Protein backbone atom coordinates (compact mmCIF):
# COMPACT_ATOMS: atom_id res chain seq x y z
CA UNK A 1 19.04 37.47 -3.20
CA UNK A 2 15.69 38.27 -5.43
CA UNK A 3 16.46 37.96 -8.82
CA UNK A 4 15.66 41.35 -11.24
CA UNK A 5 13.25 40.32 -13.81
CA UNK A 6 14.74 41.16 -17.45
CA UNK A 7 12.89 43.86 -19.75
CA UNK A 8 12.77 44.12 -23.51
CA UNK A 9 12.93 41.51 -26.08
CA UNK A 10 14.22 38.37 -25.63
CA UNK A 11 17.16 36.12 -28.03
CA UNK A 12 18.58 33.38 -28.46
CA UNK A 13 21.45 34.55 -30.84
CA UNK A 14 23.54 30.78 -31.17
CA UNK A 15 20.13 29.63 -32.47
CA UNK A 16 19.48 32.67 -35.32
CA UNK A 17 16.37 33.69 -32.61
CA UNK A 18 16.44 37.69 -32.50
CA UNK A 19 14.69 40.02 -30.57
CA UNK A 20 11.29 38.09 -29.42
CA UNK A 21 8.92 40.84 -27.92
CA UNK A 22 7.49 39.01 -25.61
CA UNK A 23 5.09 41.34 -22.92
CA UNK A 24 4.06 39.91 -19.82
CA UNK A 25 0.31 40.84 -19.95
CA UNK A 26 -1.66 38.62 -22.57
CA UNK A 27 -4.54 40.99 -22.97
CA UNK A 28 -6.55 43.32 -21.41
CA UNK A 29 -10.29 42.74 -20.42
CA UNK A 30 -12.74 45.40 -18.87
CA UNK A 31 -9.38 47.47 -18.29
CA UNK A 32 -7.92 44.12 -16.01
CA UNK A 33 -4.25 42.85 -17.27
CA UNK A 34 -4.62 39.11 -17.79
CA UNK A 35 -1.06 38.03 -17.60
CA UNK A 36 0.60 35.25 -19.49
CA UNK A 37 1.62 33.73 -15.98
CA UNK A 38 -1.68 33.10 -15.06
CA UNK A 39 -3.18 31.73 -18.22
CA UNK A 40 -0.14 29.12 -18.80
CA UNK A 41 -0.64 27.94 -14.88
CA UNK A 42 -3.65 27.34 -15.65
CA UNK A 43 -3.65 25.36 -19.27
CA UNK A 44 -1.25 23.43 -17.13
CA UNK A 45 -4.12 22.58 -14.11
CA UNK A 46 -6.27 21.52 -17.29
CA UNK A 47 -4.18 19.65 -19.12
CA UNK A 48 -3.05 17.89 -16.07
CA UNK A 49 -6.65 17.19 -14.45
CA UNK A 50 -7.53 15.50 -18.15
CA UNK A 51 -4.16 13.62 -17.68
CA UNK A 52 -5.55 12.29 -14.48
CA UNK A 53 -8.72 11.35 -16.11
CA UNK A 54 -7.21 9.39 -18.16
CA UNK A 55 -4.89 7.49 -15.85
CA UNK A 56 -8.08 6.75 -13.35
CA UNK A 57 -10.22 4.52 -16.26
CA UNK A 58 -6.31 2.91 -16.31
CA UNK A 59 -6.06 2.41 -13.06
CA UNK A 60 -9.91 2.06 -12.11
CA UNK A 61 -10.08 4.73 -9.71
CA UNK A 62 -13.11 6.93 -8.96
CA UNK A 63 -11.97 10.38 -11.27
CA UNK A 64 -14.55 12.40 -9.13
CA UNK A 65 -12.89 12.15 -5.81
CA UNK A 66 -9.06 13.11 -7.62
CA UNK A 67 -11.57 15.99 -9.01
CA UNK A 68 -12.26 16.80 -5.93
CA UNK A 69 -8.85 16.50 -4.42
CA UNK A 70 -7.74 18.78 -7.59
CA UNK A 71 -10.30 21.38 -6.71
CA UNK A 72 -9.06 21.59 -3.05
CA UNK A 73 -5.39 21.09 -3.58
CA UNK A 74 -4.92 23.73 -6.22
CA UNK A 75 -5.64 26.78 -3.53
CA UNK A 76 -3.81 25.04 -1.01
CA UNK A 77 -0.52 23.98 -3.30
CA UNK A 78 -0.54 28.16 -4.37
CA UNK A 79 -0.71 29.71 -1.00
CA UNK A 80 2.06 26.61 0.19
CA UNK A 81 4.31 27.76 -3.34
CA UNK A 82 3.98 31.49 -2.40
CA UNK A 83 4.84 30.65 1.38
CA UNK A 84 7.95 28.70 0.48
CA UNK A 85 8.90 31.63 -1.89
CA UNK A 86 8.38 34.64 0.32
CA UNK A 87 9.65 32.71 3.78
CA UNK A 88 13.13 32.23 2.26
CA UNK A 89 13.43 36.09 1.75
CA UNK A 90 10.73 37.73 4.05
CA UNK A 91 12.99 40.97 4.30
CA UNK A 92 11.88 42.04 0.40
CA UNK A 93 8.05 41.96 0.76
CA UNK A 94 7.00 45.35 3.12
CA UNK A 95 2.90 44.67 2.80
CA UNK A 96 0.79 42.30 2.46
CA UNK A 97 -0.20 43.33 -0.91
CA UNK A 98 3.30 42.49 -2.32
CA UNK A 99 2.69 38.76 -0.61
CA UNK A 100 -0.13 37.61 -1.89
CA UNK A 101 1.00 39.25 -5.93
CA UNK A 102 1.63 35.88 -7.23
CA UNK A 103 1.09 37.53 -10.72
CA UNK A 104 4.41 39.13 -10.16
CA UNK A 105 5.92 36.15 -10.42
CA UNK A 106 7.53 34.13 -7.65
CA UNK A 107 6.35 30.60 -6.19
CA UNK A 108 8.40 27.69 -5.02
CA UNK A 109 7.51 24.81 -6.83
CA UNK A 110 8.27 22.53 -3.44
CA UNK A 111 5.76 24.66 -1.50
CA UNK A 112 3.16 23.75 -4.40
CA UNK A 113 3.98 20.24 -3.89
CA UNK A 114 4.23 19.98 -0.45
CA UNK A 115 0.97 21.64 -0.46
CA UNK A 116 -0.59 19.38 -2.60
CA UNK A 117 0.84 16.17 -0.83
CA UNK A 118 -0.71 17.26 2.79
CA UNK A 119 -4.12 17.53 0.58
CA UNK A 120 -3.54 13.74 -0.58
CA UNK A 121 -2.91 12.85 2.75
CA UNK A 122 -5.95 14.39 4.53
CA UNK A 123 -8.48 13.65 2.14
CA UNK A 124 -7.45 9.92 1.88
CA UNK A 125 -7.55 9.85 6.03
CA UNK A 126 -11.20 10.86 5.72
CA UNK A 127 -12.53 8.99 2.67
CA UNK A 128 -10.28 5.93 3.51
CA UNK A 129 -8.70 5.91 0.38
CA UNK A 130 -5.51 4.05 -0.38
CA UNK A 131 -2.84 7.36 -0.64
CA UNK A 132 -0.53 5.71 -2.68
CA UNK A 133 -2.55 4.56 -5.35
CA UNK A 134 -3.84 8.45 -5.20
CA UNK A 135 -0.23 9.38 -5.15
CA UNK A 136 0.62 7.58 -8.32
CA UNK A 137 -2.17 8.57 -10.70
CA UNK A 138 -1.28 12.50 -9.40
CA UNK A 139 2.22 12.29 -10.02
CA UNK A 140 2.41 12.12 -13.89
CA UNK A 141 -0.35 15.01 -13.42
CA UNK A 142 1.86 16.96 -11.16
CA UNK A 143 5.03 16.80 -13.60
CA UNK A 144 2.81 17.48 -16.40
CA UNK A 145 1.62 20.60 -15.03
CA UNK A 146 5.42 21.54 -14.00
CA UNK A 147 6.22 20.94 -17.10
CA UNK A 148 4.35 23.84 -18.61
CA UNK A 149 4.07 26.03 -16.11
CA UNK A 150 7.94 26.76 -16.03
CA UNK A 151 6.99 28.42 -19.40
CA UNK A 152 5.47 31.39 -17.21
CA UNK A 153 8.52 32.20 -16.00
CA UNK A 154 9.65 32.60 -19.62
CA UNK A 155 7.27 35.27 -20.07
CA UNK A 156 8.13 37.01 -16.93
CA UNK A 157 11.53 36.94 -18.05
CA UNK A 158 12.39 35.39 -14.52
CA UNK A 159 13.91 32.00 -13.46
CA UNK A 160 16.87 32.11 -15.59
CA UNK A 161 20.39 31.01 -14.50
CA UNK A 162 23.98 32.25 -14.47
CA UNK A 163 25.80 34.07 -17.35
CA UNK A 164 26.99 31.43 -20.27
CA UNK A 165 28.18 31.55 -23.80
CA UNK A 166 26.69 28.05 -24.72
CA UNK A 167 24.86 28.01 -28.18
CA UNK A 168 21.31 27.72 -26.26
CA UNK A 169 22.21 30.98 -24.44
CA UNK A 170 19.06 33.21 -23.55
CA UNK A 171 19.87 36.81 -23.84
CA UNK A 172 18.04 39.10 -21.66
CA UNK A 173 17.94 42.85 -20.77
CA UNK A 174 19.05 43.09 -16.69
CA UNK A 175 19.90 45.80 -14.90
CA UNK A 176 19.79 47.66 -18.44
CA UNK A 177 22.81 45.55 -19.73
CA UNK A 178 22.04 42.70 -22.26
CA UNK A 179 23.00 39.66 -20.88
CA UNK A 180 23.25 36.06 -21.97
CA UNK A 181 22.24 33.53 -19.45
CA UNK A 182 21.44 29.76 -18.94
CA UNK A 183 17.48 29.23 -20.03
CA UNK A 184 16.98 27.32 -16.48
CA UNK A 185 13.29 27.28 -17.23
CA UNK A 186 13.68 25.46 -20.23
CA UNK A 187 15.90 22.85 -18.94
CA UNK A 188 13.28 21.98 -16.18
CA UNK A 189 10.69 22.08 -18.31
CA UNK A 190 12.60 19.81 -21.16
CA UNK A 191 13.34 17.57 -17.75
CA UNK A 192 10.08 17.25 -16.76
CA UNK A 193 8.31 16.37 -20.33
CA UNK A 194 11.18 13.67 -20.38
CA UNK A 195 10.34 12.47 -16.97
CA UNK A 196 6.92 12.55 -17.76
CA UNK A 197 7.02 10.25 -21.01
CA UNK A 198 8.98 7.95 -18.15
CA UNK A 199 6.40 8.00 -15.66
CA UNK A 200 3.64 6.75 -18.44
CA UNK A 201 6.12 4.21 -19.77
CA UNK A 202 6.42 2.79 -16.11
CA UNK A 203 2.75 2.85 -15.09
CA UNK A 204 2.30 -0.06 -16.96
CA UNK A 205 4.82 -1.62 -14.67
CA UNK A 206 3.89 -0.92 -11.23
CA UNK A 207 5.35 -2.63 -8.80
CA UNK A 208 3.61 -1.99 -5.51
CA UNK A 209 1.70 1.04 -4.45
CA UNK A 210 3.39 4.15 -4.58
CA UNK A 211 5.96 3.46 -7.23
CA UNK A 212 5.44 6.01 -9.43
CA UNK A 213 5.66 8.80 -6.67
CA UNK A 214 8.75 7.63 -5.83
CA UNK A 215 10.02 7.99 -9.56
CA UNK A 216 8.33 11.12 -9.69
CA UNK A 217 10.68 12.44 -6.79
CA UNK A 218 13.80 10.93 -7.40
CA UNK A 219 13.66 12.24 -10.77
CA UNK A 220 12.28 15.74 -10.33
CA UNK A 221 14.83 16.07 -6.93
CA UNK A 222 18.01 14.93 -8.77
CA UNK A 223 17.14 17.30 -11.95
CA UNK A 224 16.34 20.21 -10.01
CA UNK A 225 19.43 19.21 -8.12
CA UNK A 226 21.60 20.32 -10.83
CA UNK A 227 19.45 22.92 -12.40
CA UNK A 228 19.18 24.88 -9.27
CA UNK A 229 23.17 24.91 -9.11
CA UNK A 230 22.79 27.07 -11.76
CA UNK A 231 20.57 29.64 -10.67
CA UNK A 232 21.29 32.88 -9.47
CA UNK A 233 18.34 33.19 -6.70
CA UNK A 234 17.95 30.80 -3.90
CA UNK A 235 19.01 30.91 -0.45
CA UNK A 236 22.05 29.25 0.86
CA UNK A 237 22.54 26.52 3.44
CA UNK A 238 26.32 25.39 4.29
CA UNK A 239 27.45 26.22 0.68
CA UNK A 240 24.09 24.94 -1.67
CA UNK A 241 21.13 26.31 -2.23
CA UNK A 242 18.19 25.68 -0.51
CA UNK A 243 16.55 23.72 -3.51
CA UNK A 244 20.03 21.68 -3.98
CA UNK A 245 19.00 20.29 -0.59
CA UNK A 246 15.54 19.67 -0.94
CA UNK A 247 16.41 18.14 -4.46
CA UNK A 248 19.22 16.03 -3.07
CA UNK A 249 17.16 14.74 -0.25
CA UNK A 250 14.11 13.97 -2.44
CA UNK A 251 16.68 11.98 -4.57
CA UNK A 252 18.06 9.80 -2.19
CA UNK A 253 14.81 9.23 -0.51
CA UNK A 254 13.08 7.93 -3.56
CA UNK A 255 16.25 5.63 -4.36
CA UNK A 256 16.09 4.10 -0.65
CA UNK A 257 12.60 3.82 -0.83
CA UNK A 258 12.30 1.95 -4.14
CA UNK A 259 14.95 -0.17 -3.17
CA UNK A 260 13.98 -1.71 0.26
CA UNK A 261 10.56 -2.04 -1.49
CA UNK A 262 11.64 -4.05 -4.46
CA UNK A 263 14.01 -6.07 -2.36
CA UNK A 264 11.47 -6.80 -0.09
CA UNK A 265 9.15 -7.87 -3.04
CA UNK A 266 11.43 -9.82 -4.37
CA UNK A 267 12.38 -12.07 -1.32
CA UNK A 268 8.12 -12.38 0.01
CA UNK A 269 6.85 -13.09 -4.22
CA UNK A 270 9.84 -14.02 -6.59
CA UNK A 271 6.85 -14.68 -8.89
CA UNK A 272 5.98 -10.89 -9.27
CA UNK A 273 9.06 -9.43 -8.76
CA UNK A 274 10.46 -7.81 -12.16
CA UNK A 275 14.09 -7.92 -12.67
CA UNK A 276 15.49 -4.60 -13.04
CA UNK A 277 18.92 -5.24 -14.67
CA UNK A 278 19.38 -7.55 -17.65
CA UNK A 279 21.68 -9.62 -15.52
CA UNK A 280 19.02 -10.83 -13.34
CA UNK A 281 16.95 -11.91 -16.13
CA UNK A 282 19.19 -15.13 -16.41
CA UNK A 283 19.21 -15.64 -12.63
CA UNK A 284 15.48 -15.53 -12.18
CA UNK A 285 14.95 -17.98 -15.18
CA UNK A 286 17.86 -20.50 -14.16
CA UNK A 287 15.99 -19.82 -10.43
CA UNK A 288 12.44 -20.67 -12.31
CA UNK A 289 13.69 -23.98 -14.33
CA UNK A 290 15.53 -25.60 -11.36
CA UNK A 291 13.02 -27.65 -9.35
CA UNK A 292 12.47 -27.09 -5.74
CA UNK A 293 13.40 -29.49 -2.63
CA UNK A 294 9.88 -30.54 -2.56
CA UNK A 295 9.41 -31.43 -6.23
CA UNK A 296 13.03 -33.52 -6.34
CA UNK A 297 11.27 -34.85 -3.36
CA UNK A 298 8.01 -35.97 -5.18
CA UNK A 299 10.00 -36.82 -8.04
CA UNK A 300 12.33 -39.58 -6.52
CA UNK A 301 9.45 -40.87 -4.67
CA UNK A 302 7.19 -41.45 -8.04
CA UNK A 303 10.21 -43.27 -9.73
CA UNK A 304 10.89 -45.42 -6.50
CA UNK A 305 7.27 -46.36 -6.81
CA UNK A 306 7.15 -47.22 -10.64
CA UNK A 307 10.09 -49.29 -10.02
CA UNK A 308 8.62 -51.19 -7.22
CA UNK A 309 5.35 -52.07 -9.34
CA UNK A 310 7.30 -53.04 -12.37
CA UNK A 311 9.34 -55.75 -10.03
CA UNK A 312 6.05 -56.75 -8.74
CA UNK A 313 4.62 -57.38 -12.18
CA UNK A 314 7.67 -59.40 -13.05
CA UNK A 315 7.02 -61.45 -10.18
CA UNK A 316 3.26 -62.41 -11.11
CA UNK A 317 4.77 -63.69 -14.49
């Protein structure tokens, strides 16, 4: 079901914020309207590119290659996002113009992610780059872009949730009636900013190539699963919304991949393994302090040799 956009002023009555007059149009230049939605998306793009530059320096990567991927991947991601959204409800679009009118809202973030990942895969294949290292660098950038981009939904008065009376409820005029709903755009934006902070911390403790990307996939997936359950505008499959299924699959896949990778790393290179849980630290310390069988055998041989030397010396006297 296509969700109607809210109209009129926006309020957060439980927070004492009333009648915010929000216009979709930021300004008009030469008779052309420029929308807040596009400006916010562009802002997210620029800030994500700047973050990529910073992380490339930290990771020792060539930023020019990443900039090429960003420039190629951006239009691909926009097309993917729009197709993901339109294909869920194609009967609602009567013309090609309606399909490409992204300034009216209607982008599916999973389509954008798929487009971005495909761009990285193809580019890395052609340029013979390590795809997982690239995805590690780009994952926090993508998270930042998503966190900022969600505010475009605020100005379009879309992507809101079910009716609620919670203190942080958002009041919109929907179909001519003032209605209090979940500000799900805000939930996802905050979730993504928290995820960004976590990813940047984990960036200093990368366990294996692809670690940051899979952490991003799991964090975003589980967050989207719960946030999507509050939405009212998604296609249903087997009792769950499409995006809930996608989010759940992303989360489970990420958890399984990370667990298997860490298990293999610990088995192959114990000295490189960083404990994930406090209980493991004592076990590893005990293992490090305990001598190996080879060391015990060597020490025993040295003691025996020393005793024999002392006996010989006594006989000489």
